């Protein structure tokens, strides 16, 4: 089976239009589409970054709490077996 060679450059003409005027309405629609796409892409990332920030703040609080209890054991109010009566 052989494939015949064809001259594809003659059948596909390339034309370039030199348009100097830019339609303001189409430019505005393009800006709206770009803004809308950017909004939908960043929406999920803000949720993920919010959860990561909350986790980081929680870990900082826990490390401060643990170091406080380790440095000042006499301040923590622990209930002994004699005081439970």
N, C-alpha and C. Protein backbone atom coordinates (compact mmCIF):
# COMPACT_ATOMS: atom_id res chain seq x y z
N UNK A 1 0.85 -1.16 0.00
CA UNK A 1 0.00 0.00 0.00
C UNK A 1 0.90 1.23 0.00
N UNK A 2 0.68 2.10 -0.92
CA UNK A 2 1.50 3.30 -1.03
C UNK A 2 0.66 4.53 -0.76
N UNK A 3 1.30 5.52 -0.22
CA UNK A 3 0.62 6.78 0.06
C UNK A 3 1.09 7.79 -0.97
N UNK A 4 0.14 8.36 -1.65
CA UNK A 4 0.48 9.34 -2.68
C UNK A 4 0.83 10.67 -2.02
N UNK A 5 1.87 11.28 -2.53
CA UNK A 5 2.25 12.58 -1.99
C UNK A 5 1.37 13.66 -2.60
N UNK A 6 0.98 14.58 -1.73
CA UNK A 6 0.14 15.69 -2.18
C UNK A 6 0.83 16.99 -1.84
N UNK A 7 0.56 17.97 -2.63
CA UNK A 7 1.10 19.31 -2.38
C UNK A 7 0.11 20.04 -1.46
N UNK A 8 0.34 19.97 -0.15
CA UNK A 8 -0.60 20.55 0.81
C UNK A 8 -0.44 22.06 0.92
N UNK A 9 0.69 22.59 0.51
CA UNK A 9 0.88 24.04 0.62
C UNK A 9 0.02 24.80 -0.36
N UNK A 10 -0.31 24.22 -1.46
CA UNK A 10 -1.16 24.90 -2.43
C UNK A 10 -2.62 24.89 -2.00
N UNK A 11 -3.03 23.90 -1.23
CA UNK A 11 -4.43 23.80 -0.85
C UNK A 11 -4.76 24.54 0.45
N UNK A 12 -3.76 24.98 1.21
CA UNK A 12 -4.00 25.69 2.46
C UNK A 12 -3.43 27.10 2.38
N UNK A 13 -4.20 28.03 1.88
CA UNK A 13 -3.68 29.40 1.81
C UNK A 13 -3.70 30.06 3.20
N UNK A 14 -2.70 30.86 3.47
CA UNK A 14 -2.59 31.57 4.74
C UNK A 14 -2.82 33.05 4.46
N UNK A 15 -3.79 33.60 5.15
CA UNK A 15 -4.07 35.03 4.97
C UNK A 15 -3.93 35.72 6.31
N UNK A 16 -3.36 36.89 6.29
CA UNK A 16 -3.19 37.70 7.50
C UNK A 16 -3.93 39.01 7.27
N UNK A 17 -4.82 39.31 8.21
CA UNK A 17 -5.59 40.55 8.11
C UNK A 17 -4.92 41.61 8.97
N UNK A 18 -4.66 42.73 8.37
CA UNK A 18 -4.08 43.85 9.12
C UNK A 18 -5.22 44.74 9.61
N UNK A 19 -5.66 44.49 10.84
CA UNK A 19 -6.73 45.31 11.41
C UNK A 19 -6.11 46.25 12.43
N UNK A 20 -6.21 47.52 12.18
CA UNK A 20 -5.60 48.51 13.08
C UNK A 20 -6.54 48.90 14.20
N UNK A 21 -7.83 48.82 13.98
CA UNK A 21 -8.78 49.22 15.02
C UNK A 21 -9.15 48.02 15.88
N UNK A 22 -9.20 48.23 17.17
CA UNK A 22 -9.56 47.18 18.12
C UNK A 22 -10.96 47.49 18.64
N UNK A 23 -11.81 46.51 18.56
CA UNK A 23 -13.18 46.68 19.03
C UNK A 23 -13.16 46.69 20.56
N UNK A 24 -13.68 47.75 21.15
CA UNK A 24 -13.64 47.90 22.61
C UNK A 24 -14.54 46.89 23.30
N UNK A 25 -15.66 46.55 22.69
CA UNK A 25 -16.57 45.57 23.30
C UNK A 25 -15.93 44.19 23.35
N UNK A 26 -15.27 43.78 22.29
CA UNK A 26 -14.63 42.47 22.31
C UNK A 26 -13.44 42.44 23.26
N UNK A 27 -12.74 43.57 23.38
CA UNK A 27 -11.65 43.65 24.35
C UNK A 27 -12.17 43.55 25.77
N UNK A 28 -13.30 44.19 26.05
CA UNK A 28 -13.90 44.13 27.38
C UNK A 28 -14.36 42.71 27.71
N UNK A 29 -14.94 42.01 26.71
CA UNK A 29 -15.36 40.62 26.93
C UNK A 29 -14.15 39.73 27.21
N UNK A 30 -13.05 39.99 26.53
CA UNK A 30 -11.84 39.22 26.76
C UNK A 30 -11.31 39.45 28.18
N UNK A 31 -11.37 40.69 28.65
CA UNK A 31 -10.94 41.00 30.02
C UNK A 31 -11.86 40.33 31.03
N UNK A 32 -13.17 40.34 30.76
CA UNK A 32 -14.11 39.68 31.67
C UNK A 32 -13.87 38.18 31.73
N UNK A 33 -13.62 37.56 30.58
CA UNK A 33 -13.35 36.12 30.56
C UNK A 33 -12.07 35.78 31.31
N UNK A 34 -11.05 36.59 31.13
CA UNK A 34 -9.79 36.35 31.83
C UNK A 34 -9.95 36.52 33.34
N UNK A 35 -10.70 37.54 33.74
CA UNK A 35 -10.93 37.78 35.17
C UNK A 35 -11.76 36.66 35.78
N UNK A 36 -12.79 36.23 35.06
CA UNK A 36 -13.64 35.15 35.56
C UNK A 36 -12.85 33.84 35.68
N UNK A 37 -12.02 33.54 34.71
CA UNK A 37 -11.19 32.34 34.78
C UNK A 37 -10.20 32.40 35.92
N UNK A 38 -9.60 33.59 36.12
CA UNK A 38 -8.67 33.76 37.23
C UNK A 38 -9.37 33.59 38.56
N UNK A 39 -10.60 34.10 38.70
CA UNK A 39 -11.37 33.99 39.93
C UNK A 39 -11.66 32.53 40.26
N UNK A 40 -12.10 31.74 39.27
CA UNK A 40 -12.44 30.35 39.53
C UNK A 40 -11.21 29.51 39.82
N UNK A 41 -10.07 29.86 39.25
CA UNK A 41 -8.86 29.09 39.55
C UNK A 41 -8.31 29.41 40.93
N UNK A 42 -8.41 30.65 41.36
CA UNK A 42 -7.88 31.02 42.67
C UNK A 42 -8.83 30.69 43.80
N UNK A 43 -10.09 30.44 43.51
CA UNK A 43 -11.07 30.14 44.56
C UNK A 43 -10.69 28.87 45.32
N UNK A 44 -10.30 27.84 44.62
CA UNK A 44 -9.93 26.60 45.30
C UNK A 44 -8.61 26.76 46.05
N UNK A 45 -7.69 27.52 45.48
CA UNK A 45 -6.41 27.70 46.15
C UNK A 45 -6.56 28.50 47.45
N UNK A 46 -7.49 29.45 47.50
CA UNK A 46 -7.69 30.20 48.75
C UNK A 46 -8.23 29.28 49.84
N UNK A 47 -9.08 28.33 49.49
CA UNK A 47 -9.59 27.38 50.48
C UNK A 47 -8.45 26.51 51.01
N UNK A 48 -7.62 26.01 50.12
CA UNK A 48 -6.50 25.16 50.54
C UNK A 48 -5.52 25.95 51.39
N UNK A 49 -5.19 27.17 50.97
CA UNK A 49 -4.25 27.99 51.75
C UNK A 49 -4.85 28.39 53.11
N UNK A 50 -6.16 28.58 53.17
CA UNK A 50 -6.81 28.88 54.45
C UNK A 50 -6.70 27.73 55.43
N UNK A 51 -6.91 26.52 54.94
CA UNK A 51 -6.79 25.33 55.80
C UNK A 51 -5.34 25.16 56.25
N UNK A 52 -4.40 25.39 55.34
CA UNK A 52 -2.98 25.28 55.72
C UNK A 52 -2.59 26.33 56.75
N UNK A 53 -3.11 27.54 56.62
CA UNK A 53 -2.82 28.59 57.59
C UNK A 53 -3.42 28.25 58.95
N UNK A 54 -4.63 27.73 58.98
CA UNK A 54 -5.26 27.32 60.23
C UNK A 54 -4.47 26.20 60.90
N UNK A 55 -3.97 25.26 60.11
CA UNK A 55 -3.16 24.17 60.65
C UNK A 55 -1.86 24.70 61.23
N UNK A 56 -1.22 25.62 60.53
CA UNK A 56 0.03 26.20 61.01
C UNK A 56 -0.17 26.97 62.32
N UNK A 57 -1.24 27.74 62.40
CA UNK A 57 -1.52 28.49 63.63
C UNK A 57 -1.81 27.52 64.78
N UNK A 58 -2.52 26.44 64.51
CA UNK A 58 -2.81 25.45 65.55
C UNK A 58 -1.53 24.78 66.05
N UNK A 59 -0.63 24.45 65.13
CA UNK A 59 0.64 23.84 65.55
C UNK A 59 1.49 24.81 66.36
N UNK A 60 1.49 26.08 65.99
CA UNK A 60 2.24 27.08 66.77
C UNK A 60 1.65 27.20 68.17
N UNK A 61 0.31 27.21 68.26
CA UNK A 61 -0.32 27.31 69.57
C UNK A 61 0.00 26.08 70.43
N UNK A 62 -0.04 24.90 69.82
CA UNK A 62 0.26 23.69 70.58
C UNK A 62 1.71 23.66 71.05
N UNK A 63 2.62 24.09 70.21
CA UNK A 63 4.02 24.11 70.64
C UNK A 63 4.25 25.11 71.76
N UNK A 64 3.58 26.26 71.71
CA UNK A 64 3.68 27.22 72.81
C UNK A 64 3.10 26.64 74.09
N UNK A 65 1.96 25.95 73.97
CA UNK A 65 1.32 25.37 75.14
C UNK A 65 2.19 24.28 75.76
N UNK A 66 2.77 23.42 74.92
CA UNK A 66 3.64 22.35 75.44
C UNK A 66 4.91 22.91 76.08
N UNK A 67 5.49 23.92 75.46
CA UNK A 67 6.71 24.49 76.04
C UNK A 67 6.38 25.23 77.34
N UNK A 68 5.23 25.86 77.43
CA UNK A 68 4.81 26.53 78.67
C UNK A 68 4.65 25.50 79.78
N UNK A 69 4.02 24.38 79.50
CA UNK A 69 3.84 23.36 80.54
C UNK A 69 5.15 22.71 80.92
N UNK A 70 6.11 22.63 80.00
CA UNK A 70 7.40 22.03 80.29
C UNK A 70 8.27 22.99 81.10
N UNK A 71 8.20 24.29 80.80
CA UNK A 71 9.04 25.26 81.51
C UNK A 71 8.51 25.60 82.90
N UNK A 72 7.18 25.63 83.02
CA UNK A 72 6.59 26.02 84.31
C UNK A 72 5.68 24.91 84.84
N UNK A 73 6.25 23.82 85.33
CA UNK A 73 5.39 22.73 85.81
C UNK A 73 4.71 23.05 87.14
N UNK A 74 5.27 23.99 87.88
CA UNK A 74 4.67 24.31 89.19
C UNK A 74 3.44 25.20 89.04
N UNK A 75 3.25 25.84 87.90
CA UNK A 75 2.07 26.70 87.70
C UNK A 75 0.85 25.89 87.29
N UNK A 76 1.07 24.79 86.60
CA UNK A 76 -0.07 23.99 86.14
C UNK A 76 -0.78 23.41 87.35
N UNK A 77 -2.09 23.52 87.35
CA UNK A 77 -2.90 23.07 88.48
C UNK A 77 -3.34 21.64 88.25
N UNK A 78 -2.59 20.72 88.79
CA UNK A 78 -2.94 19.32 88.67
C UNK A 78 -3.65 18.87 89.95
N UNK A 79 -4.68 18.09 89.75
CA UNK A 79 -5.46 17.61 90.89
C UNK A 79 -4.85 16.31 91.36
N UNK A 80 -4.51 16.25 92.65
CA UNK A 80 -3.95 15.02 93.20
C UNK A 80 -5.08 14.14 93.71
N UNK A 81 -4.74 12.92 94.11
CA UNK A 81 -5.77 11.99 94.58
C UNK A 81 -6.34 12.42 95.91
N UNK A 82 -5.60 13.14 96.73
CA UNK A 82 -6.10 13.58 98.04
C UNK A 82 -7.08 14.72 97.92
N UNK A 83 -6.99 15.54 96.85
CA UNK A 83 -7.87 16.72 96.72
C UNK A 83 -9.21 16.39 96.08
N UNK A 84 -9.45 15.18 95.63
CA UNK A 84 -10.68 14.86 94.91
C UNK A 84 -11.85 14.58 95.84
N UNK A 85 -11.70 14.50 97.06
CA UNK A 85 -12.75 14.11 97.99
C UNK A 85 -13.94 14.94 97.90
